[in-house]
Amino acid sequence: MTAVLARVNEQGRRTLSRKLPRAIRADLDDSKRLLSHTNVALGEAWARALAPERVSSPAELFEQLSLEGSEKLKKPCASHVASQCWHQQNEAFQAESKIVARVTKHCQALAERGVELLAVRSSVLCTKHLNDARARGTNRFVADLHAMEALVLALRAHAGADIEAVCGKVGGIAEYSKFFGPLSGRLHAIMGEGRARSGYRFPGLGEIHFVRDADAADPLVSLSSLIGKYVRELFMSRIGQHYEPRLALNAAGEDENERRPSGYHDPVTDGFVARSALLRRKRKIPDHCFERERADEPIGEA
């Protein structure tokens, strides 16, 4: 789950409510349109452009992005399991310097139009986290919602002022108050609840809006989805290479073969799960650290 913080004036509001210039739109859109699980160079480029400090590796970049930090994320990992997600073998940046320079110019162009990009943070929910949450009765969609809330609170603190947060709809939920985690117990007013949009106002925090198809309609949500996709695929690449080192990427960011798993429900991933089963048993990798137990049923209204 990823969030981007921007300082927006009235000109910036108009910028975000209209079509962006064509050159920016070519690099800033719904991640499903611009990225694939084998090529996330554009998402990486945006992450590098927004990182507060210059970095020299994907691991260093992740530390700049991570809400929790790798040390906290690794704490629940058994020592013999940690390398599945935390090794850095064969890792290298995919995005060429010219792509990073291009999106950096986009950042400058947005600032000139009243949209100043200030910060980006990603919260990672690993398979073990989701399975443990399910065991406690927490649906995956609710776990996603709680991660969104944590990001909103962190970026509100970073901003030092009330914020207006736009989030994608989660699991078809219409009435969010009953599912809040980090925000539960906080006084808030319901601005409206429905299938397309639900909004809430929190004193001392600001407004939070959950909007259907926000990643395709709101440029800042699109940017969050691009960087979030990059972070996801960084870990999927690590998991794939941990069990099948031949899945390493070459210098152009292309797979050496076509067996790299996406982690979604598809034949390539199914094959990877089957091929790695014996090795996982030998290494005593718990299933709950490798696969989510079962798909969640939607909650709320679709």
Protein backbone atom coordinates (compact mmCIF):
# COMPACT_ATOMS: atom_id res chain seq x y z
CA MET A 1 0.00 0.00 0.00
CA THR A 2 1.54 3.31 -1.09
CA ALA A 3 0.70 6.98 -0.58
CA VAL A 4 2.05 10.19 -2.09
CA LEU A 5 1.86 13.55 -0.30
CA ALA A 6 1.61 16.77 -2.30
CA ARG A 7 1.12 20.43 -1.43
CA VAL A 8 -1.61 21.70 -3.73
CA ASN A 9 -2.81 25.29 -4.23
CA GLU A 10 -5.89 26.41 -6.17
CA GLN A 11 -4.00 26.20 -9.45
CA GLY A 12 -2.92 22.71 -8.45
CA ARG A 13 -6.50 21.66 -7.79
CA ARG A 14 -7.40 22.73 -11.30
CA THR A 15 -4.37 20.85 -12.63
CA LEU A 16 -5.45 17.63 -10.94
CA SER A 17 -9.06 17.99 -12.07
CA ARG A 18 -8.13 18.26 -15.75
CA LYS A 19 -6.14 16.17 -18.20
CA LEU A 20 -2.43 16.52 -17.55
CA PRO A 21 -0.12 17.48 -20.44
CA ARG A 22 0.36 14.59 -22.86
CA ALA A 23 4.04 14.12 -22.00
CA ILE A 24 3.23 13.70 -18.32
CA ARG A 25 0.22 11.45 -19.00
CA ALA A 26 2.49 9.10 -20.94
CA ASP A 27 4.38 8.41 -17.69
CA LEU A 28 1.64 9.00 -15.10
CA ASP A 29 -1.43 6.80 -15.34
CA ASP A 30 -2.96 3.72 -13.74
CA SER A 31 -0.14 1.25 -13.08
CA LYS A 32 -2.12 -1.50 -14.83
CA ARG A 33 -1.73 0.45 -18.07
CA LEU A 34 1.94 1.38 -17.77
CA LEU A 35 3.63 -1.48 -15.90
CA SER A 36 3.81 -5.26 -15.98
CA HIS A 37 5.16 -7.67 -13.42
CA THR A 38 8.32 -8.07 -15.53
CA ASN A 39 8.86 -4.36 -16.23
CA VAL A 40 8.40 -1.81 -13.46
CA ALA A 41 11.14 0.58 -14.57
CA LEU A 42 8.77 3.53 -14.75
CA GLY A 43 7.52 2.97 -11.20
CA GLU A 44 11.11 2.69 -10.03
CA ALA A 45 11.98 5.94 -11.82
CA TRP A 46 9.21 7.84 -10.04
CA ALA A 47 10.32 6.35 -6.70
CA ARG A 48 13.92 7.40 -7.30
CA ALA A 49 12.84 10.89 -8.38
CA LEU A 50 10.83 11.34 -5.17
CA ALA A 51 13.29 9.69 -2.76
CA PRO A 52 14.58 12.29 -0.27
CA GLU A 53 18.18 11.10 -0.68
CA ARG A 54 20.20 9.69 -3.57
CA VAL A 55 20.31 5.89 -3.48
CA SER A 56 22.51 3.34 -5.21
CA SER A 57 20.47 0.13 -4.95
CA PRO A 58 16.86 -1.11 -4.77
CA ALA A 59 17.41 -2.03 -1.10
CA GLU A 60 18.46 1.53 -0.28
CA LEU A 61 15.50 2.88 -2.24
CA PHE A 62 13.11 0.66 -0.32
CA GLU A 63 14.43 2.05 2.97
CA GLN A 64 13.63 5.54 1.69
CA LEU A 65 10.09 4.47 0.81
CA SER A 66 9.20 2.13 3.65
CA LEU A 67 6.79 3.33 6.33
CA GLU A 68 7.83 0.60 8.76
CA GLY A 69 11.50 0.12 7.80
CA SER A 70 13.05 -3.25 6.96
CA GLU A 71 14.21 -4.02 10.50
CA LYS A 72 10.67 -3.83 11.85
CA LEU A 73 9.29 -5.79 8.90
CA LYS A 74 11.86 -8.57 9.40
CA LYS A 75 11.19 -9.03 13.12
CA PRO A 76 8.43 -11.66 12.67
CA CYS A 77 10.59 -13.65 10.21
CA ALA A 78 12.21 -16.86 11.40
CA SER A 79 15.95 -16.80 10.65
CA HIS A 80 15.73 -19.62 8.10
CA VAL A 81 12.83 -17.91 6.29
CA ALA A 82 13.98 -14.28 6.16
CA SER A 83 16.18 -14.67 3.08
CA GLN A 84 13.11 -15.56 1.00
CA CYS A 85 12.06 -11.89 1.02
CA TRP A 86 15.15 -10.03 2.18
CA HIS A 87 18.07 -11.30 0.09
CA GLN A 88 19.51 -8.82 -2.42
CA GLN A 89 21.13 -11.18 -4.90
CA ASN A 90 21.29 -9.93 -8.50
CA GLU A 91 19.36 -6.79 -7.61
CA ALA A 92 19.91 -3.75 -9.78
CA PHE A 93 17.94 -0.76 -10.93
CA GLN A 94 15.89 -1.27 -14.09
CA ALA A 95 15.24 2.37 -15.00
CA GLU A 96 17.83 4.07 -17.19
CA SER A 97 19.04 7.47 -16.04
CA LYS A 98 17.19 9.17 -18.90
CA ILE A 99 13.86 7.84 -17.57
CA VAL A 100 14.62 9.12 -14.08
CA ALA A 101 15.58 12.50 -15.56
CA ARG A 102 12.35 12.58 -17.56
CA VAL A 103 10.06 11.96 -14.57
CA THR A 104 12.11 14.42 -12.51
CA LYS A 105 11.17 17.02 -15.12
CA HIS A 106 7.55 15.93 -14.74
CA CYS A 107 7.84 16.64 -11.01
CA GLN A 108 9.12 20.12 -11.79
CA ALA A 109 6.34 20.70 -14.34
CA LEU A 110 3.71 19.66 -11.79
CA ALA A 111 5.21 22.01 -9.20
CA GLU A 112 4.96 24.86 -11.72
CA ARG A 113 1.28 23.96 -12.07
CA GLY A 114 0.66 24.08 -8.31
CA VAL A 115 1.25 20.43 -7.39
CA GLU A 116 4.41 20.09 -5.28
CA LEU A 117 5.25 16.44 -4.56
CA LEU A 118 6.59 16.24 -1.02
CA ALA A 119 6.86 12.63 0.12
CA VAL A 120 6.04 9.01 -0.66
CA ARG A 121 5.62 6.09 1.75
CA SER A 122 4.87 2.39 1.26
CA SER A 123 3.46 0.01 3.84
CA VAL A 124 4.20 -3.68 3.25
CA LEU A 125 1.74 -6.40 4.26
CA CYS A 126 3.50 -9.73 3.75
CA THR A 127 1.82 -13.11 3.37
CA LYS A 128 2.48 -14.03 7.01
CA HIS A 129 0.98 -10.73 8.15
CA LEU A 130 -2.17 -11.35 6.11
CA ASN A 131 -2.50 -14.97 7.25
CA ASP A 132 -1.99 -13.98 10.90
CA ALA A 133 -4.60 -11.23 10.48
CA ARG A 134 -7.03 -13.75 9.00
CA ALA A 135 -6.47 -16.04 11.99
CA ARG A 136 -7.52 -13.11 14.21
CA GLY A 137 -10.65 -12.63 12.08
CA THR A 138 -9.39 -9.69 9.99
CA ASN A 139 -10.24 -9.83 6.30
CA ARG A 140 -7.48 -8.96 3.81
CA PHE A 141 -9.44 -5.96 2.59
CA VAL A 142 -9.69 -4.66 6.14
CA ALA A 143 -5.94 -5.21 6.57
CA ASP A 144 -5.44 -3.12 3.42
CA LEU A 145 -7.70 -0.42 4.87
CA HIS A 146 -5.71 -0.33 8.10
CA ALA A 147 -2.50 0.11 6.11
CA MET A 148 -4.11 3.04 4.28
CA GLU A 149 -5.05 4.60 7.60
CA ALA A 150 -1.50 4.23 8.92
CA LEU A 151 -0.15 5.94 5.81
CA VAL A 152 -2.65 8.81 6.15
CA LEU A 153 -1.64 9.35 9.78
CA ALA A 154 2.08 9.25 8.94
CA LEU A 155 1.77 11.74 6.09
CA ARG A 156 -0.49 14.00 8.16
CA ALA A 157 2.33 14.16 10.70
CA HIS A 158 4.82 14.85 7.89
CA ALA A 159 2.64 17.63 6.48
CA GLY A 160 2.14 19.34 9.83
CA ALA A 161 -1.33 20.43 8.70
CA ASP A 162 -4.70 18.90 7.91
CA ILE A 163 -4.73 16.89 4.70
CA GLU A 164 -7.25 15.74 2.13
CA ALA A 165 -6.63 12.07 1.39
CA VAL A 166 -8.00 10.34 -1.71
CA CYS A 167 -7.92 6.54 -1.54
CA GLY A 168 -9.12 3.82 -3.84
CA LYS A 169 -12.19 1.89 -2.73
CA VAL A 170 -11.32 -1.14 -0.62
CA GLY A 171 -13.16 -4.43 -1.10
CA GLY A 172 -16.41 -2.80 -2.17
CA ILE A 173 -16.88 -1.20 1.25
CA ALA A 174 -19.41 1.63 1.40
CA GLU A 175 -19.52 2.26 5.17
CA TYR A 176 -15.92 2.51 6.41
CA SER A 177 -16.41 3.64 10.01
CA LYS A 178 -17.21 0.13 11.22
CA PHE A 179 -13.94 -1.21 9.73
CA PHE A 180 -11.47 1.50 10.82
CA GLY A 181 -8.39 0.33 12.73
CA PRO A 182 -5.81 3.08 13.43
CA LEU A 183 -8.61 5.63 13.04
CA SER A 184 -11.15 3.76 15.17
CA GLY A 185 -12.34 5.72 18.17
CA ARG A 186 -11.50 9.06 16.55
CA LEU A 187 -14.32 11.57 16.35
CA HIS A 188 -15.37 12.04 12.74
CA ALA A 189 -18.25 13.22 10.59
CA ILE A 190 -19.60 11.19 7.68
CA MET A 191 -19.60 13.38 4.57
CA GLY A 192 -21.35 10.77 2.46
CA GLU A 193 -21.27 7.02 1.86
CA GLY A 194 -22.02 5.18 -1.34
CA ARG A 195 -20.83 2.71 -3.92
CA ALA A 196 -18.84 5.32 -5.87
CA ARG A 197 -17.51 7.50 -3.04
CA SER A 198 -17.38 7.57 0.75
CA GLY A 199 -15.98 10.55 2.66
CA TYR A 200 -15.12 11.36 6.28
CA ARG A 201 -13.90 14.46 8.13
CA PHE A 202 -11.64 14.05 11.16
CA PRO A 203 -10.89 17.05 13.43
CA GLY A 204 -7.14 17.64 13.56
CA LEU A 205 -6.52 15.26 10.66
CA GLY A 206 -8.52 16.42 7.66
CA GLU A 207 -10.67 14.56 5.16
CA ILE A 208 -10.44 11.01 3.80
CA HIS A 209 -12.29 10.02 0.64
CA PHE A 210 -12.55 6.48 -0.74
CA VAL A 211 -13.22 6.73 -4.47
CA ARG A 212 -14.04 4.01 -6.98
CA ASP A 213 -11.46 3.72 -9.79
CA ALA A 214 -9.35 6.44 -8.16
CA ASP A 215 -6.11 5.03 -9.59
CA ALA A 216 -7.38 5.78 -13.09
CA ALA A 217 -8.99 9.16 -12.31
CA ASP A 218 -6.69 10.89 -9.80
CA PRO A 219 -3.06 11.58 -10.86
CA LEU A 220 -1.73 11.35 -7.29
CA VAL A 221 -3.42 7.98 -6.77
CA SER A 222 -2.01 6.89 -10.14
CA LEU A 223 1.46 7.89 -8.95
CA SER A 224 0.95 5.95 -5.72
CA SER A 225 -0.10 2.89 -7.71
CA LEU A 226 3.01 3.09 -9.93
CA ILE A 227 5.37 3.21 -6.96
CA GLY A 228 3.37 0.62 -5.04
CA LYS A 229 3.58 -1.74 -8.01
CA TYR A 230 7.35 -1.28 -8.08
CA VAL A 231 7.66 -2.18 -4.38
CA ARG A 232 5.45 -5.24 -4.83
CA GLU A 233 7.46 -6.51 -7.78
CA LEU A 234 10.73 -5.93 -5.94
CA PHE A 235 9.62 -8.52 -3.39
CA MET A 236 8.11 -10.85 -6.00
CA SER A 237 11.44 -10.82 -7.84
CA ARG A 238 13.27 -11.69 -4.64
CA ILE A 239 10.92 -14.58 -3.90
CA GLY A 240 11.18 -15.93 -7.43
CA GLN A 241 14.97 -15.76 -7.49
CA HIS A 242 15.26 -17.27 -4.02
CA TYR A 243 13.84 -20.56 -5.28
CA GLU A 244 14.87 -20.33 -8.95
CA PRO A 245 18.04 -18.24 -9.35
CA ARG A 246 17.73 -18.47 -13.12
CA LEU A 247 14.88 -15.99 -12.88
CA ALA A 248 17.42 -13.19 -12.39
CA LEU A 249 16.85 -10.14 -14.55
CA ASN A 250 19.38 -9.08 -17.13
CA ALA A 251 20.74 -5.54 -17.41
CA ALA A 252 17.83 -4.44 -19.59
CA GLY A 253 15.30 -5.50 -16.97
CA GLU A 254 14.12 -8.46 -19.08
CA ASP A 255 13.67 -11.98 -17.80
CA GLU A 256 16.28 -14.55 -18.74
CA ASN A 257 13.34 -16.92 -19.19
CA GLU A 258 9.57 -16.64 -19.16
CA ARG A 259 8.94 -18.51 -15.91
CA ARG A 260 9.04 -15.58 -13.52
CA PRO A 261 5.95 -15.72 -11.28
CA SER A 262 3.64 -12.73 -10.99
CA GLY A 263 2.14 -13.86 -7.69
CA TYR A 264 -1.35 -13.58 -9.19
CA HIS A 265 -3.63 -16.44 -10.20
CA ASP A 266 -2.09 -17.51 -13.51
CA PRO A 267 -0.47 -20.67 -14.94
CA VAL A 268 3.11 -19.37 -14.57
CA THR A 269 2.63 -18.68 -10.87
CA ASP A 270 0.85 -22.01 -10.37
CA GLY A 271 3.83 -23.73 -11.98
CA PHE A 272 6.27 -21.86 -9.74
CA VAL A 273 4.32 -22.87 -6.62
CA ALA A 274 4.40 -26.51 -7.71
CA ARG A 275 8.09 -26.50 -8.70
CA SER A 276 9.20 -24.87 -5.46
CA ALA A 277 7.16 -27.15 -3.17
CA LEU A 278 9.89 -29.75 -2.58
CA LEU A 279 12.58 -27.14 -1.97
CA ARG A 280 10.33 -25.26 0.44
CA ARG A 281 9.73 -28.45 2.40
CA LYS A 282 13.47 -29.15 2.55
CA ARG A 283 14.12 -25.63 3.81
CA LYS A 284 11.17 -25.87 6.24
CA ILE A 285 9.50 -22.78 4.86
CA PRO A 286 6.06 -22.52 6.49
CA ASP A 287 3.21 -22.39 4.01
CA HIS A 288 1.79 -19.34 5.79
CA CYS A 289 4.96 -17.42 4.87
CA PHE A 290 4.60 -18.31 1.20
CA GLU A 291 0.92 -18.37 0.21
CA ARG A 292 -2.20 -16.67 1.43
CA GLU A 293 -4.49 -19.35 2.79
CA ARG A 294 -7.46 -18.60 0.53
CA ALA A 295 -9.06 -15.75 -1.37
CA ASP A 296 -11.17 -13.31 0.55
CA GLU A 297 -14.83 -12.82 -0.13
CA PRO A 298 -15.81 -9.22 -0.93
CA ILE A 299 -17.23 -7.22 1.94
CA GLY A 300 -19.74 -4.42 1.82
CA GLU A 301 -21.38 -3.46 -1.45
CA ALA A 302 -19.55 -3.97 -4.74
